[in-house]
Amino acid sequence: MMKSKKIEKIRNEATSRVNKQPLVQFRIEPEIMDRLYEEANKLGLPVGTMVRMWVMERLNEKSA
């Protein structure tokens, strides 16, 4: 699980960029969407922010 400071840093990055970046839309199964909402609620984040965080983390892992 991510630490609170790391979550806050990633949340701030995502929030500052959200209105300046292109929009990506895709279809997802209802069961997966339910799981995403459950996880986002555990972390206290909006689901879109959490998914952006996950994508950014994954891309950072690939480039490291």
N, C-alpha and C. Protein backbone atom coordinates (compact mmCIF):
# COMPACT_ATOMS: atom_id res chain seq x y z
N MET A 1 0.84 -1.18 0.00
CA MET A 1 0.00 0.00 0.00
C MET A 1 0.89 1.25 0.00
N MET A 2 0.44 2.27 -0.68
CA MET A 2 1.24 3.48 -0.79
C MET A 2 1.15 4.29 0.49
N LYS A 3 2.21 4.99 0.78
CA LYS A 3 2.23 5.84 1.96
C LYS A 3 1.48 7.13 1.69
N SER A 4 0.99 7.74 2.75
CA SER A 4 0.15 8.94 2.64
C SER A 4 0.84 10.07 1.89
N LYS A 5 2.10 10.33 2.16
CA LYS A 5 2.81 11.43 1.48
C LYS A 5 2.93 11.15 -0.02
N LYS A 6 3.19 9.89 -0.36
CA LYS A 6 3.32 9.53 -1.77
C LYS A 6 1.97 9.70 -2.47
N ILE A 7 0.88 9.28 -1.82
CA ILE A 7 -0.45 9.44 -2.37
C ILE A 7 -0.74 10.91 -2.60
N GLU A 8 -0.43 11.74 -1.61
CA GLU A 8 -0.69 13.18 -1.73
C GLU A 8 0.11 13.80 -2.88
N LYS A 9 1.37 13.40 -3.03
CA LYS A 9 2.21 13.93 -4.11
C LYS A 9 1.62 13.55 -5.47
N ILE A 10 1.26 12.29 -5.63
CA ILE A 10 0.70 11.83 -6.90
C ILE A 10 -0.65 12.47 -7.16
N ARG A 11 -1.45 12.61 -6.10
CA ARG A 11 -2.76 13.26 -6.24
C ARG A 11 -2.60 14.70 -6.71
N ASN A 12 -1.65 15.42 -6.13
CA ASN A 12 -1.41 16.80 -6.54
C ASN A 12 -0.95 16.90 -7.99
N GLU A 13 -0.07 15.98 -8.39
CA GLU A 13 0.39 15.97 -9.78
C GLU A 13 -0.78 15.73 -10.73
N ALA A 14 -1.59 14.73 -10.41
CA ALA A 14 -2.72 14.38 -11.27
C ALA A 14 -3.73 15.52 -11.34
N THR A 15 -4.01 16.13 -10.20
CA THR A 15 -4.99 17.22 -10.15
C THR A 15 -4.51 18.42 -10.95
N SER A 16 -3.23 18.75 -10.84
CA SER A 16 -2.72 19.93 -11.54
C SER A 16 -2.72 19.74 -13.05
N ARG A 17 -2.70 18.50 -13.50
CA ARG A 17 -2.64 18.23 -14.93
C ARG A 17 -3.99 17.91 -15.56
N VAL A 18 -4.98 17.62 -14.74
CA VAL A 18 -6.22 17.04 -15.24
C VAL A 18 -6.90 17.87 -16.32
N ASN A 19 -6.94 19.17 -16.19
CA ASN A 19 -7.62 20.00 -17.19
C ASN A 19 -6.74 20.37 -18.37
N LYS A 20 -5.47 20.02 -18.32
CA LYS A 20 -4.55 20.40 -19.38
C LYS A 20 -4.23 19.23 -20.31
N GLN A 21 -4.72 18.05 -19.99
CA GLN A 21 -4.32 16.86 -20.72
C GLN A 21 -5.48 16.29 -21.53
N PRO A 22 -5.15 15.50 -22.55
CA PRO A 22 -6.19 14.86 -23.35
C PRO A 22 -7.01 13.87 -22.50
N LEU A 23 -8.20 13.60 -22.96
CA LEU A 23 -9.10 12.68 -22.28
C LEU A 23 -9.00 11.31 -22.93
N VAL A 24 -8.91 10.27 -22.11
CA VAL A 24 -8.90 8.89 -22.59
C VAL A 24 -10.16 8.22 -22.08
N GLN A 25 -10.92 7.63 -22.98
CA GLN A 25 -12.13 6.91 -22.59
C GLN A 25 -12.04 5.48 -23.07
N PHE A 26 -12.56 4.56 -22.27
CA PHE A 26 -12.61 3.16 -22.67
C PHE A 26 -13.74 2.46 -21.94
N ARG A 27 -14.18 1.36 -22.49
CA ARG A 27 -15.24 0.58 -21.87
C ARG A 27 -14.62 -0.40 -20.89
N ILE A 28 -15.35 -0.67 -19.81
CA ILE A 28 -14.86 -1.60 -18.81
C ILE A 28 -16.05 -2.36 -18.22
N GLU A 29 -15.84 -3.61 -17.89
CA GLU A 29 -16.90 -4.45 -17.36
C GLU A 29 -17.38 -3.90 -16.01
N PRO A 30 -18.69 -4.02 -15.74
CA PRO A 30 -19.25 -3.52 -14.48
C PRO A 30 -18.57 -4.10 -13.24
N GLU A 31 -18.19 -5.37 -13.29
CA GLU A 31 -17.53 -6.00 -12.14
C GLU A 31 -16.18 -5.35 -11.86
N ILE A 32 -15.46 -5.02 -12.91
CA ILE A 32 -14.15 -4.36 -12.74
C ILE A 32 -14.37 -2.94 -12.22
N MET A 33 -15.38 -2.26 -12.74
CA MET A 33 -15.67 -0.91 -12.27
C MET A 33 -16.01 -0.92 -10.78
N ASP A 34 -16.77 -1.91 -10.34
CA ASP A 34 -17.09 -2.04 -8.91
C ASP A 34 -15.83 -2.21 -8.08
N ARG A 35 -14.91 -3.03 -8.58
CA ARG A 35 -13.64 -3.23 -7.85
C ARG A 35 -12.82 -1.95 -7.80
N LEU A 36 -12.82 -1.19 -8.91
CA LEU A 36 -12.09 0.08 -8.91
C LEU A 36 -12.66 1.05 -7.89
N TYR A 37 -14.00 1.14 -7.83
CA TYR A 37 -14.62 2.03 -6.85
C TYR A 37 -14.33 1.59 -5.42
N GLU A 38 -14.34 0.29 -5.17
CA GLU A 38 -14.02 -0.21 -3.84
C GLU A 38 -12.60 0.19 -3.43
N GLU A 39 -11.66 -0.01 -4.32
CA GLU A 39 -10.27 0.33 -4.03
C GLU A 39 -10.09 1.83 -3.84
N ALA A 40 -10.73 2.63 -4.69
CA ALA A 40 -10.63 4.08 -4.57
C ALA A 40 -11.21 4.55 -3.24
N ASN A 41 -12.32 3.96 -2.82
CA ASN A 41 -12.91 4.32 -1.52
C ASN A 41 -11.98 3.98 -0.37
N LYS A 42 -11.30 2.84 -0.45
CA LYS A 42 -10.33 2.46 0.59
C LYS A 42 -9.22 3.50 0.70
N LEU A 43 -8.80 4.03 -0.44
CA LEU A 43 -7.71 5.02 -0.46
C LEU A 43 -8.20 6.44 -0.24
N GLY A 44 -9.52 6.64 -0.28
CA GLY A 44 -10.07 7.98 -0.10
C GLY A 44 -9.83 8.87 -1.31
N LEU A 45 -9.86 8.27 -2.49
CA LEU A 45 -9.60 9.00 -3.73
C LEU A 45 -10.76 8.85 -4.70
N PRO A 46 -10.95 9.83 -5.58
CA PRO A 46 -11.87 9.61 -6.69
C PRO A 46 -11.31 8.52 -7.59
N VAL A 47 -12.17 7.72 -8.18
CA VAL A 47 -11.71 6.59 -8.98
C VAL A 47 -10.83 7.03 -10.15
N GLY A 48 -11.16 8.14 -10.81
CA GLY A 48 -10.35 8.62 -11.93
C GLY A 48 -8.94 9.00 -11.50
N THR A 49 -8.83 9.64 -10.35
CA THR A 49 -7.52 10.01 -9.82
C THR A 49 -6.70 8.77 -9.51
N MET A 50 -7.32 7.78 -8.89
CA MET A 50 -6.61 6.56 -8.55
C MET A 50 -6.11 5.85 -9.81
N VAL A 51 -6.95 5.77 -10.83
CA VAL A 51 -6.54 5.09 -12.06
C VAL A 51 -5.40 5.85 -12.73
N ARG A 52 -5.48 7.18 -12.76
CA ARG A 52 -4.36 7.98 -13.32
C ARG A 52 -3.08 7.73 -12.53
N MET A 53 -3.19 7.66 -11.21
CA MET A 53 -2.02 7.38 -10.38
C MET A 53 -1.41 6.04 -10.75
N TRP A 54 -2.25 5.03 -10.91
CA TRP A 54 -1.77 3.70 -11.26
C TRP A 54 -1.07 3.71 -12.62
N VAL A 55 -1.65 4.40 -13.59
CA VAL A 55 -1.04 4.47 -14.91
C VAL A 55 0.31 5.17 -14.84
N MET A 56 0.36 6.29 -14.13
CA MET A 56 1.63 7.03 -14.00
C MET A 56 2.68 6.18 -13.29
N GLU A 57 2.28 5.48 -12.24
CA GLU A 57 3.24 4.61 -11.53
C GLU A 57 3.78 3.53 -12.45
N ARG A 58 2.90 2.92 -13.20
CA ARG A 58 3.31 1.85 -14.11
C ARG A 58 4.27 2.37 -15.18
N LEU A 59 3.96 3.51 -15.75
CA LEU A 59 4.86 4.08 -16.75
C LEU A 59 6.20 4.48 -16.15
N ASN A 60 6.19 4.98 -14.92
CA ASN A 60 7.44 5.33 -14.25
C ASN A 60 8.28 4.09 -13.98
N GLU A 61 7.64 2.98 -13.64
CA GLU A 61 8.36 1.73 -13.42
C GLU A 61 9.02 1.27 -14.72
N LYS A 62 8.32 1.41 -15.82
CA LYS A 62 8.84 0.96 -17.12
C LYS A 62 10.02 1.81 -17.58
N SER A 63 10.03 3.09 -17.21
CA SER A 63 11.10 3.98 -17.68
C SER A 63 12.29 4.00 -16.72
N ALA A 64 12.17 3.39 -15.58
CA ALA A 64 13.27 3.39 -14.59
C ALA A 64 14.27 2.30 -14.87
